[in-house]
Amino acid sequence: MFEFNATFLIAMVSFVLFIIIMNKILYEPILSVINERQDYIDKNNNAALDSKNMSKSILDDKEKKLNDAAIASKKLISERVIQENNTSAKLTEDARIKSLSDIDSAKKDLQHEVEQTKEALKNNVKDLAENISSKILGENITIDTVDDELIDRELK
């Protein structure tokens, strides 16, 4: 079968020395470059994730501020509408009260004028009756008594 001699041992020792030397010269620098590259990739990946999280946070903050501003503006508009509706209702009510007051005043003035006109007519009824009687009958007739109740009843 196989013969083991010193050549085989020298070849084995030289192979082990070759592996050790290659490890020091070639594999360790390659592994360090691979490790540095992996560290660089991990660092950039973490920075990208941090940037992504920060941008998401900024975007969420912006959305929250926009929503808060929209709610505040709707609230302000609603308050202004209510305020203006109240002002409008108050002005309308004030105008209605003033118009009712003006109408009441005008009614009182007209009623007062009606009363004054009735009084004036009441005082002139006797003179008018005497004039009409004298023109119809052709002679001067004097009326001594006037029935105020009859005149009031006819004027109403």
N, C-alpha and C. Protein backbone atom coordinates (compact mmCIF):
# COMPACT_ATOMS: atom_id res chain seq x y z
N MET A 1 0.79 -1.17 0.00
CA MET A 1 0.00 0.00 0.00
C MET A 1 0.85 1.26 0.00
N PHE A 2 0.63 2.06 0.99
CA PHE A 2 1.38 3.32 1.01
C PHE A 2 2.61 3.18 1.84
N GLU A 3 3.61 3.85 1.40
CA GLU A 3 4.83 3.88 2.19
C GLU A 3 4.96 5.26 2.81
N PHE A 4 5.23 5.25 4.06
CA PHE A 4 5.43 6.53 4.74
C PHE A 4 6.90 6.69 4.97
N ASN A 5 7.42 7.73 4.41
CA ASN A 5 8.83 8.00 4.65
C ASN A 5 8.99 9.46 4.99
N ALA A 6 10.20 9.92 5.06
CA ALA A 6 10.50 11.28 5.48
C ALA A 6 9.99 12.28 4.47
N THR A 7 9.88 11.94 3.22
CA THR A 7 9.39 12.86 2.20
C THR A 7 7.93 13.24 2.49
N PHE A 8 7.26 12.24 2.88
CA PHE A 8 5.85 12.51 3.19
C PHE A 8 5.75 13.46 4.38
N LEU A 9 6.56 13.28 5.41
CA LEU A 9 6.54 14.15 6.57
C LEU A 9 7.01 15.56 6.20
N ILE A 10 8.01 15.68 5.38
CA ILE A 10 8.50 16.98 4.97
C ILE A 10 7.42 17.68 4.14
N ALA A 11 6.76 16.95 3.29
CA ALA A 11 5.69 17.54 2.49
C ALA A 11 4.55 18.01 3.40
N MET A 12 4.27 17.25 4.44
CA MET A 12 3.21 17.65 5.36
C MET A 12 3.61 18.88 6.15
N VAL A 13 4.82 18.90 6.63
CA VAL A 13 5.30 20.05 7.40
C VAL A 13 5.34 21.26 6.49
N SER A 14 5.84 21.08 5.26
CA SER A 14 5.91 22.22 4.36
C SER A 14 4.49 22.71 3.99
N PHE A 15 3.52 21.80 3.86
CA PHE A 15 2.14 22.21 3.58
C PHE A 15 1.57 23.00 4.75
N VAL A 16 1.82 22.56 5.98
CA VAL A 16 1.34 23.26 7.17
C VAL A 16 2.00 24.63 7.25
N LEU A 17 3.32 24.71 7.00
CA LEU A 17 4.01 26.00 6.99
C LEU A 17 3.44 26.90 5.88
N PHE A 18 3.17 26.32 4.72
CA PHE A 18 2.57 27.09 3.62
C PHE A 18 1.22 27.66 4.04
N ILE A 19 0.41 26.87 4.71
CA ILE A 19 -0.91 27.32 5.17
C ILE A 19 -0.74 28.44 6.18
N ILE A 20 0.18 28.33 7.12
CA ILE A 20 0.40 29.34 8.14
C ILE A 20 0.91 30.63 7.49
N ILE A 21 1.85 30.51 6.58
CA ILE A 21 2.40 31.69 5.91
C ILE A 21 1.31 32.34 5.05
N MET A 22 0.56 31.55 4.33
CA MET A 22 -0.51 32.09 3.48
C MET A 22 -1.58 32.77 4.34
N ASN A 23 -1.84 32.18 5.50
CA ASN A 23 -2.81 32.78 6.41
C ASN A 23 -2.33 34.14 6.84
N LYS A 24 -1.04 34.28 7.18
CA LYS A 24 -0.50 35.55 7.62
C LYS A 24 -0.41 36.54 6.47
N ILE A 25 0.01 36.11 5.33
CA ILE A 25 0.26 37.02 4.21
C ILE A 25 -1.02 37.33 3.44
N LEU A 26 -1.83 36.37 3.17
CA LEU A 26 -2.94 36.54 2.25
C LEU A 26 -4.31 36.57 2.95
N TYR A 27 -4.58 35.56 3.75
CA TYR A 27 -5.93 35.42 4.29
C TYR A 27 -6.27 36.47 5.34
N GLU A 28 -5.34 36.81 6.24
CA GLU A 28 -5.62 37.82 7.25
C GLU A 28 -5.90 39.18 6.62
N PRO A 29 -5.11 39.66 5.64
CA PRO A 29 -5.45 40.95 5.01
C PRO A 29 -6.81 40.89 4.29
N ILE A 30 -7.07 39.76 3.63
CA ILE A 30 -8.36 39.64 2.93
C ILE A 30 -9.50 39.65 3.94
N LEU A 31 -9.33 38.91 5.06
CA LEU A 31 -10.35 38.89 6.09
C LEU A 31 -10.53 40.27 6.73
N SER A 32 -9.41 40.98 6.94
CA SER A 32 -9.54 42.32 7.52
C SER A 32 -10.25 43.26 6.55
N VAL A 33 -9.94 43.13 5.23
CA VAL A 33 -10.64 43.96 4.23
C VAL A 33 -12.12 43.60 4.20
N ILE A 34 -12.42 42.31 4.26
CA ILE A 34 -13.82 41.86 4.28
C ILE A 34 -14.51 42.39 5.53
N ASN A 35 -13.85 42.31 6.69
CA ASN A 35 -14.43 42.82 7.94
C ASN A 35 -14.62 44.33 7.89
N GLU A 36 -13.64 45.06 7.36
CA GLU A 36 -13.78 46.52 7.21
C GLU A 36 -14.94 46.87 6.29
N ARG A 37 -15.03 46.14 5.17
CA ARG A 37 -16.12 46.37 4.23
C ARG A 37 -17.47 46.07 4.89
N GLN A 38 -17.54 44.98 5.66
CA GLN A 38 -18.78 44.64 6.35
C GLN A 38 -19.13 45.72 7.39
N ASP A 39 -18.11 46.20 8.13
CA ASP A 39 -18.33 47.28 9.09
C ASP A 39 -18.83 48.54 8.39
N TYR A 40 -18.23 48.88 7.23
CA TYR A 40 -18.63 50.05 6.45
C TYR A 40 -20.09 49.90 5.98
N ILE A 41 -20.42 48.71 5.49
CA ILE A 41 -21.80 48.44 5.04
C ILE A 41 -22.77 48.53 6.21
N ASP A 42 -22.42 47.93 7.35
CA ASP A 42 -23.29 47.98 8.53
C ASP A 42 -23.46 49.42 9.02
N LYS A 43 -22.36 50.17 9.03
CA LYS A 43 -22.41 51.58 9.47
C LYS A 43 -23.34 52.39 8.55
N ASN A 44 -23.17 52.23 7.24
CA ASN A 44 -24.02 52.96 6.29
C ASN A 44 -25.47 52.49 6.36
N ASN A 45 -25.66 51.19 6.56
CA ASN A 45 -27.01 50.66 6.70
C ASN A 45 -27.69 51.24 7.94
N ASN A 46 -26.95 51.30 9.06
CA ASN A 46 -27.49 51.90 10.29
C ASN A 46 -27.78 53.39 10.09
N ALA A 47 -26.88 54.08 9.39
CA ALA A 47 -27.10 55.51 9.12
C ALA A 47 -28.34 55.69 8.25
N ALA A 48 -28.51 54.81 7.26
CA ALA A 48 -29.70 54.89 6.40
C ALA A 48 -30.96 54.62 7.19
N LEU A 49 -30.92 53.62 8.08
CA LEU A 49 -32.09 53.33 8.92
C LEU A 49 -32.40 54.51 9.85
N ASP A 50 -31.33 55.11 10.42
CA ASP A 50 -31.54 56.28 11.28
C ASP A 50 -32.16 57.43 10.49
N SER A 51 -31.65 57.64 9.27
CA SER A 51 -32.20 58.70 8.42
C SER A 51 -33.65 58.41 8.06
N LYS A 52 -33.93 57.14 7.76
CA LYS A 52 -35.31 56.75 7.42
C LYS A 52 -36.22 56.98 8.62
N ASN A 53 -35.79 56.57 9.81
CA ASN A 53 -36.59 56.77 11.01
C ASN A 53 -36.78 58.25 11.31
N MET A 54 -35.70 59.05 11.11
CA MET A 54 -35.79 60.48 11.36
C MET A 54 -36.75 61.14 10.36
N SER A 55 -36.66 60.73 9.08
CA SER A 55 -37.56 61.31 8.08
C SER A 55 -39.00 60.89 8.36
N LYS A 56 -39.20 59.65 8.82
CA LYS A 56 -40.56 59.21 9.17
C LYS A 56 -41.07 60.03 10.35
N SER A 57 -40.19 60.28 11.33
CA SER A 57 -40.57 61.09 12.48
C SER A 57 -40.93 62.51 12.05
N ILE A 58 -40.12 63.08 11.17
CA ILE A 58 -40.39 64.43 10.67
C ILE A 58 -41.70 64.45 9.89
N LEU A 59 -41.93 63.43 9.07
CA LEU A 59 -43.16 63.34 8.29
C LEU A 59 -44.38 63.20 9.21
N ASP A 60 -44.25 62.36 10.24
CA ASP A 60 -45.35 62.21 11.20
C ASP A 60 -45.61 63.51 11.94
N ASP A 61 -44.53 64.21 12.31
CA ASP A 61 -44.67 65.50 12.99
C ASP A 61 -45.36 66.52 12.08
N LYS A 62 -44.96 66.51 10.79
CA LYS A 62 -45.58 67.43 9.83
C LYS A 62 -47.06 67.12 9.68
N GLU A 63 -47.40 65.84 9.57
CA GLU A 63 -48.80 65.44 9.45
C GLU A 63 -49.60 65.86 10.68
N LYS A 64 -48.99 65.66 11.86
CA LYS A 64 -49.66 66.05 13.10
C LYS A 64 -49.89 67.56 13.13
N LYS A 65 -48.88 68.33 12.74
CA LYS A 65 -49.02 69.79 12.73
C LYS A 65 -50.08 70.22 11.72
N LEU A 66 -50.10 69.57 10.55
CA LEU A 66 -51.12 69.90 9.54
C LEU A 66 -52.52 69.58 10.05
N ASN A 67 -52.66 68.41 10.69
CA ASN A 67 -53.96 68.04 11.25
C ASN A 67 -54.38 69.00 12.35
N ASP A 68 -53.43 69.36 13.22
CA ASP A 68 -53.72 70.32 14.29
C ASP A 68 -54.12 71.67 13.71
N ALA A 69 -53.41 72.10 12.67
CA ALA A 69 -53.73 73.38 12.03
C ALA A 69 -55.11 73.32 11.37
N ALA A 70 -55.42 72.20 10.73
CA ALA A 70 -56.74 72.06 10.10
C ALA A 70 -57.84 72.08 11.16
N ILE A 71 -57.61 71.38 12.26
CA ILE A 71 -58.61 71.37 13.34
C ILE A 71 -58.76 72.77 13.93
N ALA A 72 -57.63 73.44 14.14
CA ALA A 72 -57.68 74.80 14.71
C ALA A 72 -58.40 75.76 13.77
N SER A 73 -58.12 75.64 12.47
CA SER A 73 -58.78 76.54 11.52
C SER A 73 -60.27 76.25 11.44
N LYS A 74 -60.66 74.96 11.47
CA LYS A 74 -62.09 74.62 11.47
C LYS A 74 -62.76 75.15 12.73
N LYS A 75 -62.07 75.03 13.85
CA LYS A 75 -62.62 75.53 15.11
C LYS A 75 -62.78 77.06 15.06
N LEU A 76 -61.75 77.74 14.52
CA LEU A 76 -61.81 79.19 14.41
C LEU A 76 -62.94 79.62 13.49
N ILE A 77 -63.06 78.94 12.35
CA ILE A 77 -64.14 79.26 11.41
C ILE A 77 -65.49 79.02 12.07
N SER A 78 -65.62 77.90 12.77
CA SER A 78 -66.88 77.59 13.44
C SER A 78 -67.21 78.65 14.50
N GLU A 79 -66.21 79.05 15.27
CA GLU A 79 -66.43 80.08 16.28
C GLU A 79 -66.85 81.40 15.64
N ARG A 80 -66.18 81.75 14.52
CA ARG A 80 -66.53 83.00 13.83
C ARG A 80 -67.94 82.94 13.26
N VAL A 81 -68.32 81.79 12.71
CA VAL A 81 -69.67 81.65 12.15
C VAL A 81 -70.70 81.79 13.25
N ILE A 82 -70.44 81.12 14.39
CA ILE A 82 -71.36 81.22 15.52
C ILE A 82 -71.43 82.66 16.02
N GLN A 83 -70.27 83.30 16.12
CA GLN A 83 -70.23 84.69 16.59
C GLN A 83 -71.01 85.61 15.64
N GLU A 84 -70.78 85.42 14.34
CA GLU A 84 -71.49 86.27 13.37
C GLU A 84 -72.98 85.96 13.35
N ASN A 85 -73.36 84.68 13.52
CA ASN A 85 -74.78 84.33 13.60
C ASN A 85 -75.42 84.99 14.81
N ASN A 86 -74.70 84.97 15.94
CA ASN A 86 -75.22 85.62 17.15
C ASN A 86 -75.35 87.12 16.95
N THR A 87 -74.33 87.72 16.32
CA THR A 87 -74.38 89.16 16.04
C THR A 87 -75.54 89.48 15.11
N SER A 88 -75.69 88.65 14.08
CA SER A 88 -76.78 88.86 13.12
C SER A 88 -78.13 88.72 13.82
N ALA A 89 -78.26 87.69 14.66
CA ALA A 89 -79.52 87.48 15.38
C ALA A 89 -79.80 88.66 16.31
N LYS A 90 -78.75 89.16 16.98
CA LYS A 90 -78.93 90.30 17.89
C LYS A 90 -79.34 91.54 17.11
N LEU A 91 -78.67 91.78 15.97
CA LEU A 91 -79.04 92.95 15.16
C LEU A 91 -80.47 92.82 14.63
N THR A 92 -80.83 91.61 14.20
CA THR A 92 -82.20 91.38 13.72
C THR A 92 -83.20 91.60 14.83
N GLU A 93 -82.90 91.09 16.02
CA GLU A 93 -83.81 91.26 17.15
C GLU A 93 -83.90 92.73 17.55
N ASP A 94 -82.77 93.44 17.55
CA ASP A 94 -82.79 94.87 17.86
C ASP A 94 -83.63 95.64 16.84
N ALA A 95 -83.46 95.29 15.55
CA ALA A 95 -84.24 95.96 14.50
C ALA A 95 -85.72 95.64 14.66
N ARG A 96 -86.04 94.38 15.00
CA ARG A 96 -87.44 94.00 15.20
C ARG A 96 -88.04 94.77 16.37
N ILE A 97 -87.28 94.86 17.46
CA ILE A 97 -87.78 95.58 18.64
C ILE A 97 -87.96 97.06 18.31
N LYS A 98 -87.01 97.64 17.57
CA LYS A 98 -87.12 99.05 17.20
C LYS A 98 -88.31 99.27 16.28
N SER A 99 -88.51 98.35 15.32
CA SER A 99 -89.64 98.51 14.40
C SER A 99 -90.96 98.36 15.15
N LEU A 100 -91.02 97.42 16.11
CA LEU A 100 -92.25 97.29 16.92
C LEU A 100 -92.48 98.55 17.74
N SER A 101 -91.40 99.09 18.28
CA SER A 101 -91.51 100.33 19.05
C SER A 101 -91.98 101.48 18.16
N ASP A 102 -91.41 101.56 16.95
CA ASP A 102 -91.82 102.61 16.01
C ASP A 102 -93.28 102.44 15.60
N ILE A 103 -93.69 101.19 15.37
CA ILE A 103 -95.09 100.92 15.00
C ILE A 103 -96.01 101.28 16.15
N ASP A 104 -95.62 100.91 17.37
CA ASP A 104 -96.42 101.26 18.55
C ASP A 104 -96.54 102.77 18.69
N SER A 105 -95.42 103.44 18.51
CA SER A 105 -95.43 104.91 18.60
C SER A 105 -96.33 105.52 17.53
N ALA A 106 -96.23 104.99 16.30
CA ALA A 106 -97.06 105.50 15.21
C ALA A 106 -98.54 105.23 15.50
N LYS A 107 -98.86 104.05 16.06
CA LYS A 107 -100.25 103.72 16.40
C LYS A 107 -100.78 104.69 17.46
N LYS A 108 -99.92 104.96 18.46
CA LYS A 108 -100.34 105.89 19.53
C LYS A 108 -100.57 107.28 18.95
N ASP A 109 -99.65 107.70 18.05
CA ASP A 109 -99.81 109.01 17.43
C ASP A 109 -101.09 109.07 16.61
N LEU A 110 -101.34 108.02 15.84
CA LEU A 110 -102.58 107.99 15.03
C LEU A 110 -103.81 107.96 15.92
N GLN A 111 -103.77 107.18 16.98
CA GLN A 111 -104.91 107.12 17.91
C GLN A 111 -105.14 108.49 18.54
N HIS A 112 -104.04 109.16 18.89
CA HIS A 112 -104.15 110.50 19.47
C HIS A 112 -104.77 111.48 18.46
N GLU A 113 -104.31 111.36 17.21
CA GLU A 113 -104.88 112.23 16.16
C GLU A 113 -106.36 111.92 15.93
N VAL A 114 -106.72 110.63 15.97
CA VAL A 114 -108.14 110.25 15.82
C VAL A 114 -108.95 110.86 16.94
N GLU A 115 -108.43 110.77 18.15
CA GLU A 115 -109.15 111.33 19.31
C GLU A 115 -109.29 112.86 19.17
N GLN A 116 -108.21 113.50 18.72
CA GLN A 116 -108.28 114.96 18.54
C GLN A 116 -109.29 115.32 17.45
N THR A 117 -109.28 114.52 16.36
CA THR A 117 -110.22 114.78 15.26
C THR A 117 -111.65 114.57 15.72
N LYS A 118 -111.88 113.52 16.51
CA LYS A 118 -113.23 113.26 17.04
C LYS A 118 -113.68 114.40 17.93
N GLU A 119 -112.76 114.89 18.77
CA GLU A 119 -113.09 116.01 19.66
C GLU A 119 -113.44 117.25 18.83
N ALA A 120 -112.64 117.49 17.79
CA ALA A 120 -112.90 118.65 16.95
C ALA A 120 -114.26 118.50 16.25
N LEU A 121 -114.54 117.28 15.77
CA LEU A 121 -115.85 117.04 15.11
C LEU A 121 -116.98 117.18 16.12
N LYS A 122 -116.75 116.68 17.31
CA LYS A 122 -117.78 116.75 18.34
C LYS A 122 -118.15 118.21 18.62
N ASN A 123 -117.12 119.03 18.69
CA ASN A 123 -117.35 120.45 18.95
C ASN A 123 -118.04 121.13 17.77
N ASN A 124 -117.79 120.66 16.55
CA ASN A 124 -118.36 121.29 15.36
C ASN A 124 -119.72 120.71 14.97
N VAL A 125 -120.15 119.63 15.62
CA VAL A 125 -121.42 118.99 15.26
C VAL A 125 -122.59 119.97 15.44
N LYS A 126 -122.61 120.70 16.52
CA LYS A 126 -123.71 121.63 16.79
C LYS A 126 -123.77 122.71 15.72
N ASP A 127 -122.57 123.26 15.37
CA ASP A 127 -122.54 124.31 14.35
C ASP A 127 -122.95 123.76 12.99
N LEU A 128 -122.47 122.57 12.67
CA LEU A 128 -122.81 121.95 11.38
C LEU A 128 -124.30 121.63 11.31
N ALA A 129 -124.86 121.14 12.41
CA ALA A 129 -126.29 120.81 12.45
C ALA A 129 -127.13 122.08 12.28
N GLU A 130 -126.72 123.18 12.90
CA GLU A 130 -127.46 124.44 12.77
C GLU A 130 -127.37 124.95 11.34
N ASN A 131 -126.18 124.86 10.70
CA ASN A 131 -126.02 125.31 9.30
C ASN A 131 -126.88 124.48 8.35
N ILE A 132 -126.83 123.16 8.53
CA ILE A 132 -127.59 122.27 7.65
C ILE A 132 -129.08 122.53 7.83
N SER A 133 -129.55 122.71 9.06
CA SER A 133 -130.96 122.95 9.34
C SER A 133 -131.41 124.28 8.72
N SER A 134 -130.59 125.28 8.87
CA SER A 134 -130.98 126.59 8.33
C SER A 134 -131.00 126.57 6.82
N LYS A 135 -130.14 125.82 6.18
CA LYS A 135 -130.11 125.74 4.72
C LYS A 135 -131.28 124.91 4.21
N ILE A 136 -131.60 123.84 4.91
CA ILE A 136 -132.69 122.98 4.46
C ILE A 136 -134.03 123.66 4.75
N LEU A 137 -134.19 124.17 5.94
CA LEU A 137 -135.47 124.75 6.33
C LEU A 137 -135.60 126.22 5.91
N GLY A 138 -134.52 126.86 5.66
CA GLY A 138 -134.55 128.23 5.22
C GLY A 138 -134.70 129.22 6.35
N GLU A 139 -134.67 128.86 7.58
CA GLU A 139 -134.73 129.79 8.69
C GLU A 139 -133.63 129.45 9.68
N ASN A 140 -133.26 130.39 10.49
CA ASN A 140 -132.20 130.19 11.48
C ASN A 140 -132.74 129.39 12.65
N ILE A 141 -132.12 128.25 12.90
CA ILE A 141 -132.53 127.40 14.01
C ILE A 141 -131.33 127.29 14.96
N THR A 142 -131.60 127.45 16.23
CA THR A 142 -130.54 127.35 17.24
C THR A 142 -130.76 126.06 18.02
N ILE A 143 -129.69 125.30 18.19
CA ILE A 143 -129.76 124.06 18.97
C ILE A 143 -129.14 124.37 20.32
N ASP A 144 -129.95 124.16 21.37
CA ASP A 144 -129.47 124.49 22.71
C ASP A 144 -128.75 123.32 23.37
N THR A 145 -129.23 122.14 23.22
CA THR A 145 -128.62 120.97 23.88
C THR A 145 -128.10 119.99 22.83
N VAL A 146 -126.98 119.41 23.17
CA VAL A 146 -126.36 118.43 22.28
C VAL A 146 -126.24 117.13 23.06
N ASP A 147 -126.67 116.04 22.44
CA ASP A 147 -126.57 114.72 23.08
C ASP A 147 -125.18 114.13 22.75
N ASP A 148 -124.26 114.23 23.74
CA ASP A 148 -122.88 113.77 23.54
C ASP A 148 -122.80 112.26 23.30
N GLU A 149 -123.72 111.51 23.94
CA GLU A 149 -123.71 110.05 23.75
C GLU A 149 -124.06 109.69 22.32
N LEU A 150 -125.01 110.36 21.77
CA LEU A 150 -125.41 110.11 20.39
C LEU A 150 -124.28 110.45 19.42
N ILE A 151 -123.60 111.52 19.66
CA ILE A 151 -122.48 111.93 18.81
C ILE A 151 -121.34 110.92 18.92
N ASP A 152 -121.02 110.49 20.16
CA ASP A 152 -119.96 109.49 20.36
C ASP A 152 -120.28 108.18 19.65
N ARG A 153 -121.56 107.76 19.76
CA ARG A 153 -121.99 106.51 19.14
C ARG A 153 -121.89 106.59 17.62
N GLU A 154 -122.20 107.71 17.04
CA GLU A 154 -122.15 107.87 15.59
C GLU A 154 -120.71 108.01 15.07
N LEU A 155 -119.85 108.60 15.87
CA LEU A 155 -118.45 108.76 15.46
C LEU A 155 -117.68 107.43 15.53
N LYS A 156 -118.14 106.52 16.32
CA LYS A 156 -117.44 105.23 16.43
C LYS A 156 -117.93 104.37 15.33
